[in-house]
N, C-alpha and C. Protein backbone atom coordinates (compact mmCIF):
# COMPACT_ATOMS: atom_id res chain seq x y z
N UNK A 1 -18.00 -22.23 -25.61
CA UNK A 1 -18.13 -22.13 -24.09
C UNK A 1 -18.91 -21.09 -23.68
N UNK A 2 -19.99 -21.19 -22.99
CA UNK A 2 -20.80 -20.01 -22.39
C UNK A 2 -20.02 -19.14 -21.52
N UNK A 3 -20.22 -17.83 -21.47
CA UNK A 3 -19.52 -16.99 -20.50
C UNK A 3 -20.58 -16.72 -19.47
N UNK A 4 -20.05 -16.23 -18.35
CA UNK A 4 -20.83 -15.81 -17.23
C UNK A 4 -20.56 -14.35 -16.82
N UNK A 5 -21.38 -13.59 -16.38
CA UNK A 5 -21.28 -12.13 -16.13
C UNK A 5 -20.02 -12.06 -15.12
N UNK A 6 -20.05 -12.64 -14.04
CA UNK A 6 -18.86 -12.52 -13.21
C UNK A 6 -17.45 -12.73 -13.88
N UNK A 7 -17.39 -13.79 -14.65
CA UNK A 7 -16.06 -14.16 -15.23
C UNK A 7 -15.73 -12.98 -16.30
N UNK A 8 -16.69 -12.70 -17.09
CA UNK A 8 -16.52 -11.63 -18.11
C UNK A 8 -15.94 -10.39 -17.63
N UNK A 9 -16.69 -9.85 -16.60
CA UNK A 9 -16.49 -8.66 -15.88
C UNK A 9 -15.35 -8.66 -14.90
N UNK A 10 -15.24 -9.54 -14.03
CA UNK A 10 -14.20 -9.68 -13.07
C UNK A 10 -12.91 -9.98 -13.61
N UNK A 11 -12.76 -10.81 -14.62
CA UNK A 11 -11.36 -11.15 -15.09
C UNK A 11 -10.77 -10.18 -15.98
N UNK A 12 -11.67 -9.48 -16.73
CA UNK A 12 -11.21 -8.45 -17.60
C UNK A 12 -10.64 -7.18 -16.58
N UNK A 13 -11.41 -7.05 -15.49
CA UNK A 13 -10.86 -5.89 -14.71
C UNK A 13 -9.62 -6.42 -13.90
N UNK A 14 -9.54 -7.66 -13.56
CA UNK A 14 -8.28 -8.18 -12.94
C UNK A 14 -6.98 -7.81 -13.70
N UNK A 15 -7.18 -7.84 -15.01
CA UNK A 15 -6.13 -7.41 -15.90
C UNK A 15 -6.09 -5.88 -16.16
N UNK A 16 -7.18 -5.42 -16.60
CA UNK A 16 -7.22 -4.06 -17.11
C UNK A 16 -6.89 -2.95 -16.04
N UNK A 17 -7.49 -3.13 -14.84
CA UNK A 17 -7.58 -2.13 -13.71
C UNK A 17 -6.32 -2.33 -13.00
N UNK A 18 -5.45 -3.36 -13.12
CA UNK A 18 -4.22 -3.54 -12.43
C UNK A 18 -3.24 -2.53 -12.95
N UNK A 19 -2.76 -1.68 -11.92
CA UNK A 19 -1.77 -0.69 -12.51
C UNK A 19 -0.34 -1.23 -12.56
N UNK A 20 -0.12 -2.41 -12.13
CA UNK A 20 1.24 -3.20 -12.21
C UNK A 20 1.04 -4.47 -13.06
N UNK A 21 1.99 -5.13 -13.11
CA UNK A 21 2.25 -6.28 -14.01
C UNK A 21 1.52 -7.45 -13.17
N UNK A 22 0.98 -8.48 -13.75
CA UNK A 22 0.54 -9.60 -13.01
C UNK A 22 1.58 -10.32 -12.23
N UNK A 23 2.70 -10.21 -12.54
CA UNK A 23 3.91 -10.75 -11.83
C UNK A 23 4.81 -9.71 -11.28
N UNK A 24 4.27 -8.58 -10.92
CA UNK A 24 5.12 -7.38 -10.22
C UNK A 24 5.84 -7.96 -9.06
N UNK A 25 7.08 -7.88 -9.05
CA UNK A 25 7.89 -8.27 -7.84
C UNK A 25 7.87 -6.92 -6.76
N UNK A 26 7.76 -5.77 -7.19
CA UNK A 26 7.52 -4.60 -6.47
C UNK A 26 6.01 -4.38 -6.30
N UNK A 27 5.56 -4.70 -5.13
CA UNK A 27 4.05 -4.65 -4.85
C UNK A 27 3.53 -3.24 -4.94
N UNK A 28 4.46 -2.27 -4.72
CA UNK A 28 4.03 -0.84 -4.59
C UNK A 28 3.44 -0.46 -5.98
N UNK A 29 3.71 -1.17 -7.00
CA UNK A 29 3.28 -0.82 -8.46
C UNK A 29 1.99 -1.22 -8.77
N UNK A 30 1.42 -2.23 -7.71
CA UNK A 30 0.11 -2.92 -7.97
C UNK A 30 -1.11 -2.35 -7.07
N UNK A 31 -1.96 -1.79 -8.01
CA UNK A 31 -3.23 -1.27 -7.31
C UNK A 31 -4.35 -1.45 -8.22
N UNK A 32 -5.55 -1.30 -7.97
CA UNK A 32 -6.71 -1.21 -8.58
C UNK A 32 -7.27 0.09 -8.99
N UNK A 33 -7.17 0.32 -10.29
CA UNK A 33 -7.49 1.63 -10.77
C UNK A 33 -8.96 1.94 -10.94
N UNK A 34 -9.56 2.70 -10.12
CA UNK A 34 -11.06 3.05 -10.15
C UNK A 34 -11.47 3.74 -11.43
N UNK A 35 -10.56 4.37 -12.03
CA UNK A 35 -10.90 5.13 -13.23
C UNK A 35 -11.15 4.06 -14.29
N UNK A 36 -10.44 3.05 -14.40
CA UNK A 36 -10.53 1.98 -15.35
C UNK A 36 -11.89 1.21 -15.02
N UNK A 37 -12.02 1.01 -13.76
CA UNK A 37 -13.38 0.32 -13.42
C UNK A 37 -14.56 1.24 -13.73
N UNK A 38 -14.51 2.44 -13.70
CA UNK A 38 -15.69 3.27 -13.94
C UNK A 38 -15.98 3.26 -15.41
N UNK A 39 -14.78 3.45 -16.08
CA UNK A 39 -15.09 3.55 -17.64
C UNK A 39 -15.52 2.12 -18.18
N UNK A 40 -15.08 1.15 -17.72
CA UNK A 40 -15.35 -0.25 -18.15
C UNK A 40 -16.88 -0.50 -17.70
N UNK A 41 -17.21 -0.11 -16.51
CA UNK A 41 -18.55 -0.46 -15.89
C UNK A 41 -19.44 0.32 -16.78
N UNK A 42 -19.19 1.63 -17.09
CA UNK A 42 -20.30 2.50 -17.80
C UNK A 42 -20.41 1.78 -19.08
N UNK A 43 -19.41 1.47 -19.83
CA UNK A 43 -19.60 0.90 -21.13
C UNK A 43 -20.31 -0.55 -21.10
N UNK A 44 -19.87 -1.30 -20.30
CA UNK A 44 -20.45 -2.64 -19.98
C UNK A 44 -21.91 -2.63 -19.81
N UNK A 45 -22.29 -1.64 -18.79
CA UNK A 45 -23.63 -1.60 -18.34
C UNK A 45 -24.63 -0.97 -19.54
N UNK A 46 -23.97 -0.09 -20.42
CA UNK A 46 -24.67 0.48 -21.51
C UNK A 46 -25.32 -0.67 -22.28
N UNK A 47 -24.78 -1.84 -22.52
CA UNK A 47 -25.32 -2.95 -23.14
C UNK A 47 -25.88 -4.00 -22.25
N UNK A 48 -25.15 -4.36 -21.28
CA UNK A 48 -25.59 -5.48 -20.44
C UNK A 48 -26.70 -5.33 -19.54
N UNK A 49 -27.11 -3.86 -19.25
CA UNK A 49 -28.32 -3.78 -18.47
C UNK A 49 -29.54 -4.32 -19.04
N UNK A 50 -29.43 -4.56 -20.32
CA UNK A 50 -30.66 -5.06 -20.95
C UNK A 50 -30.95 -6.61 -20.53
N UNK A 51 -29.81 -7.27 -20.01
CA UNK A 51 -30.08 -8.59 -19.68
C UNK A 51 -29.56 -8.89 -18.18
N UNK A 52 -28.95 -8.19 -17.49
CA UNK A 52 -28.50 -8.37 -16.22
C UNK A 52 -29.71 -8.36 -15.13
N UNK A 53 -29.67 -9.28 -14.25
CA UNK A 53 -30.76 -9.19 -13.21
C UNK A 53 -30.19 -8.12 -12.17
N UNK A 54 -31.10 -7.69 -11.38
CA UNK A 54 -30.72 -6.79 -10.29
C UNK A 54 -29.67 -7.37 -9.37
N UNK A 55 -29.65 -8.63 -9.06
CA UNK A 55 -28.48 -9.18 -8.26
C UNK A 55 -27.34 -9.12 -9.11
N UNK A 56 -27.23 -9.54 -10.13
CA UNK A 56 -26.01 -9.58 -11.00
C UNK A 56 -25.39 -8.13 -11.10
N UNK A 57 -26.30 -7.25 -11.46
CA UNK A 57 -25.69 -5.82 -11.46
C UNK A 57 -25.10 -5.24 -10.06
N UNK A 58 -25.87 -5.64 -9.01
CA UNK A 58 -25.47 -5.20 -7.78
C UNK A 58 -24.06 -5.94 -7.26
N UNK A 59 -23.95 -7.20 -7.75
CA UNK A 59 -22.64 -8.04 -7.37
C UNK A 59 -21.48 -7.69 -8.33
N UNK A 60 -21.55 -6.87 -9.34
CA UNK A 60 -20.48 -6.53 -10.21
C UNK A 60 -19.10 -6.07 -9.48
N UNK A 61 -19.27 -5.32 -8.49
CA UNK A 61 -18.04 -4.95 -7.67
C UNK A 61 -17.43 -6.05 -7.01
N UNK A 62 -18.32 -7.02 -6.57
CA UNK A 62 -17.69 -8.24 -5.92
C UNK A 62 -17.04 -9.00 -6.84
N UNK A 63 -17.39 -9.09 -8.14
CA UNK A 63 -16.69 -9.78 -9.15
C UNK A 63 -15.21 -9.14 -9.44
N UNK A 64 -15.28 -7.89 -9.22
CA UNK A 64 -13.86 -7.37 -9.61
C UNK A 64 -12.85 -7.75 -8.39
N UNK A 65 -13.40 -8.04 -7.21
CA UNK A 65 -12.66 -8.37 -6.22
C UNK A 65 -12.25 -9.87 -6.20
N UNK A 66 -13.39 -10.75 -6.83
CA UNK A 66 -13.23 -12.09 -6.59
C UNK A 66 -12.09 -12.62 -7.54
N UNK A 67 -12.00 -12.04 -8.67
CA UNK A 67 -10.90 -12.68 -9.66
C UNK A 67 -9.53 -12.47 -9.24
N UNK A 68 -9.06 -11.42 -8.74
CA UNK A 68 -7.66 -11.33 -8.42
C UNK A 68 -7.59 -12.48 -7.15
N UNK A 69 -8.58 -12.60 -6.29
CA UNK A 69 -8.37 -13.59 -5.30
C UNK A 69 -8.23 -14.96 -5.84
N UNK A 70 -9.19 -15.30 -6.59
CA UNK A 70 -9.18 -16.60 -7.26
C UNK A 70 -7.81 -16.98 -8.03
N UNK A 71 -7.32 -15.95 -8.78
CA UNK A 71 -6.07 -16.22 -9.47
C UNK A 71 -4.93 -16.35 -8.46
N UNK A 72 -4.92 -15.50 -7.47
CA UNK A 72 -3.90 -15.77 -6.51
C UNK A 72 -3.93 -17.24 -5.84
N UNK A 73 -5.05 -17.75 -5.66
CA UNK A 73 -5.21 -19.01 -5.24
C UNK A 73 -4.72 -20.23 -6.30
N UNK A 74 -4.96 -19.83 -7.46
CA UNK A 74 -4.55 -20.71 -8.64
C UNK A 74 -3.00 -20.61 -8.72
N UNK A 75 -2.54 -19.47 -8.86
CA UNK A 75 -0.94 -19.28 -8.87
C UNK A 75 -0.34 -19.95 -7.56
N UNK A 76 -0.83 -19.90 -6.37
CA UNK A 76 -0.28 -20.50 -5.25
C UNK A 76 -0.38 -21.98 -5.31
N UNK A 77 -1.54 -22.44 -5.75
CA UNK A 77 -1.58 -23.90 -5.91
C UNK A 77 -0.56 -24.55 -6.93
N UNK A 78 -0.50 -23.77 -7.98
CA UNK A 78 0.48 -24.29 -8.91
C UNK A 78 1.88 -24.29 -8.35
N UNK A 79 2.25 -23.11 -7.71
CA UNK A 79 3.56 -23.21 -7.04
C UNK A 79 3.77 -24.22 -6.09
N UNK A 80 2.87 -24.51 -5.20
CA UNK A 80 2.80 -25.69 -4.32
C UNK A 80 3.02 -26.96 -4.92
N UNK A 81 2.41 -27.06 -6.02
CA UNK A 81 2.37 -28.42 -6.87
C UNK A 81 3.54 -28.48 -7.72
N UNK A 82 4.50 -27.67 -7.78
CA UNK A 82 5.61 -27.79 -8.48
C UNK A 82 5.64 -27.01 -9.85
N UNK A 83 4.77 -26.08 -10.05
CA UNK A 83 4.54 -25.36 -11.30
C UNK A 83 4.30 -26.26 -12.50
N UNK A 84 3.23 -26.86 -12.31
CA UNK A 84 2.97 -27.97 -13.49
C UNK A 84 1.83 -27.33 -14.41
N UNK A 85 1.20 -26.15 -14.10
CA UNK A 85 0.12 -25.63 -14.83
C UNK A 85 0.58 -24.52 -15.63
N UNK A 86 0.95 -23.34 -14.82
CA UNK A 86 1.36 -22.06 -15.54
C UNK A 86 2.85 -22.18 -15.89
N UNK A 87 3.11 -21.66 -17.10
CA UNK A 87 4.44 -21.49 -17.56
C UNK A 87 5.16 -20.33 -16.70
N UNK A 88 6.30 -20.84 -16.15
CA UNK A 88 7.08 -19.97 -15.35
C UNK A 88 8.56 -19.53 -15.89
N UNK A 89 9.00 -18.42 -15.27
CA UNK A 89 10.25 -17.92 -15.77
C UNK A 89 11.39 -18.14 -14.77
N UNK A 90 10.91 -18.42 -13.65
CA UNK A 90 11.88 -18.70 -12.55
C UNK A 90 11.25 -19.70 -11.47
N UNK A 91 11.93 -20.17 -10.50
CA UNK A 91 11.56 -21.05 -9.50
C UNK A 91 10.46 -20.37 -8.61
N UNK A 92 10.50 -19.06 -8.36
CA UNK A 92 9.56 -18.47 -7.62
C UNK A 92 8.40 -17.63 -8.34
N UNK A 93 8.43 -17.87 -9.62
CA UNK A 93 7.50 -16.98 -10.50
C UNK A 93 6.02 -17.10 -9.97
N UNK A 94 5.47 -18.24 -9.80
CA UNK A 94 4.26 -18.33 -9.32
C UNK A 94 3.96 -17.76 -7.96
N UNK A 95 4.98 -17.82 -7.23
CA UNK A 95 4.83 -17.21 -5.89
C UNK A 95 4.80 -15.64 -5.96
N UNK A 96 5.63 -15.12 -6.92
CA UNK A 96 5.56 -13.73 -7.08
C UNK A 96 4.20 -13.22 -7.73
N UNK A 97 3.76 -14.01 -8.58
CA UNK A 97 2.35 -13.78 -9.02
C UNK A 97 1.30 -13.92 -7.93
N UNK A 98 1.36 -14.76 -7.12
CA UNK A 98 0.41 -14.83 -5.96
C UNK A 98 0.44 -13.61 -5.25
N UNK A 99 1.58 -13.20 -4.82
CA UNK A 99 1.75 -11.96 -4.00
C UNK A 99 1.29 -10.74 -4.73
N UNK A 100 1.41 -10.72 -5.94
CA UNK A 100 0.96 -9.48 -6.69
C UNK A 100 -0.61 -9.64 -6.83
N UNK A 101 -1.10 -10.71 -7.12
CA UNK A 101 -2.58 -10.81 -7.16
C UNK A 101 -3.31 -10.57 -5.73
N UNK A 102 -2.69 -10.98 -4.70
CA UNK A 102 -3.04 -10.82 -3.44
C UNK A 102 -3.09 -9.14 -3.10
N UNK A 103 -2.11 -8.54 -3.48
CA UNK A 103 -1.99 -7.03 -3.34
C UNK A 103 -3.13 -6.51 -4.23
N UNK A 104 -3.36 -6.84 -5.25
CA UNK A 104 -4.44 -6.32 -6.33
C UNK A 104 -5.79 -6.58 -5.53
N UNK A 105 -6.06 -7.89 -4.99
CA UNK A 105 -7.20 -8.16 -4.27
C UNK A 105 -7.42 -7.22 -3.08
N UNK A 106 -6.36 -7.00 -2.17
CA UNK A 106 -6.44 -6.10 -1.14
C UNK A 106 -6.89 -4.74 -1.49
N UNK A 107 -6.31 -4.18 -2.56
CA UNK A 107 -6.57 -2.81 -2.95
C UNK A 107 -8.08 -2.74 -3.57
N UNK A 108 -8.31 -3.67 -4.29
CA UNK A 108 -9.86 -3.80 -4.79
C UNK A 108 -10.81 -3.77 -3.67
N UNK A 109 -10.41 -4.63 -2.76
CA UNK A 109 -11.41 -4.79 -1.63
C UNK A 109 -11.59 -3.34 -0.83
N UNK A 110 -10.47 -2.73 -0.69
CA UNK A 110 -10.57 -1.46 -0.01
C UNK A 110 -11.27 -0.31 -0.83
N UNK A 111 -11.62 -0.69 -2.03
CA UNK A 111 -12.27 0.26 -3.02
C UNK A 111 -13.76 -0.34 -3.27
N UNK A 112 -14.24 -1.29 -2.60
CA UNK A 112 -15.42 -1.94 -2.84
C UNK A 112 -16.63 -0.93 -2.76
N UNK A 113 -16.77 -0.05 -1.77
CA UNK A 113 -17.83 0.80 -1.53
C UNK A 113 -17.85 1.88 -2.72
N UNK A 114 -16.64 2.29 -3.05
CA UNK A 114 -16.59 3.25 -4.29
C UNK A 114 -17.16 2.48 -5.54
N UNK A 115 -16.82 1.25 -5.62
CA UNK A 115 -17.28 0.62 -7.00
C UNK A 115 -18.67 0.51 -6.77
N UNK A 116 -19.23 0.12 -5.78
CA UNK A 116 -20.84 0.05 -5.41
C UNK A 116 -21.51 1.33 -5.89
N UNK A 117 -20.81 2.37 -5.62
CA UNK A 117 -21.48 3.79 -5.79
C UNK A 117 -21.32 4.01 -7.25
N UNK A 118 -20.37 3.74 -7.93
CA UNK A 118 -20.21 3.78 -9.41
C UNK A 118 -21.18 2.96 -10.04
N UNK A 119 -21.52 1.76 -9.63
CA UNK A 119 -22.49 0.88 -10.32
C UNK A 119 -23.86 1.45 -10.01
N UNK A 120 -24.16 1.88 -8.81
CA UNK A 120 -25.46 2.43 -8.46
C UNK A 120 -25.78 3.68 -9.38
N UNK A 121 -24.85 4.37 -9.72
CA UNK A 121 -25.03 5.53 -10.49
C UNK A 121 -25.21 5.42 -11.99
N UNK A 122 -25.03 4.15 -12.38
CA UNK A 122 -25.33 3.75 -13.73
C UNK A 122 -26.69 3.37 -14.01
N UNK A 123 -27.57 3.57 -13.28
CA UNK A 123 -28.91 3.18 -13.22
C UNK A 123 -29.85 3.71 -14.50
């Protein structure tokens, strides 16, 4: 299955740059780690700069914010549909996941300009 820049970059950061667990009940543990973003972006761009278009490169920070949001929607849809897709540990597990992903999305969104600065510095 072919991969896409946004999914490779964004979904990795959704997991790796999250300071909390994907299903953290304590939302104060969930934030977007800019140090992880910076380290990954530097390594990624070292190779990917050879094939990325300028628009793809410019939109990498958006990918980092898009994937927590998309995953929150997926978890919430599954919760509303009776937990038929994702394996759950409790009745509200997908709701807990939704809230954690929304917290991650909000924090990543608040750091969007910093991410843009990091990407611009990797020219």
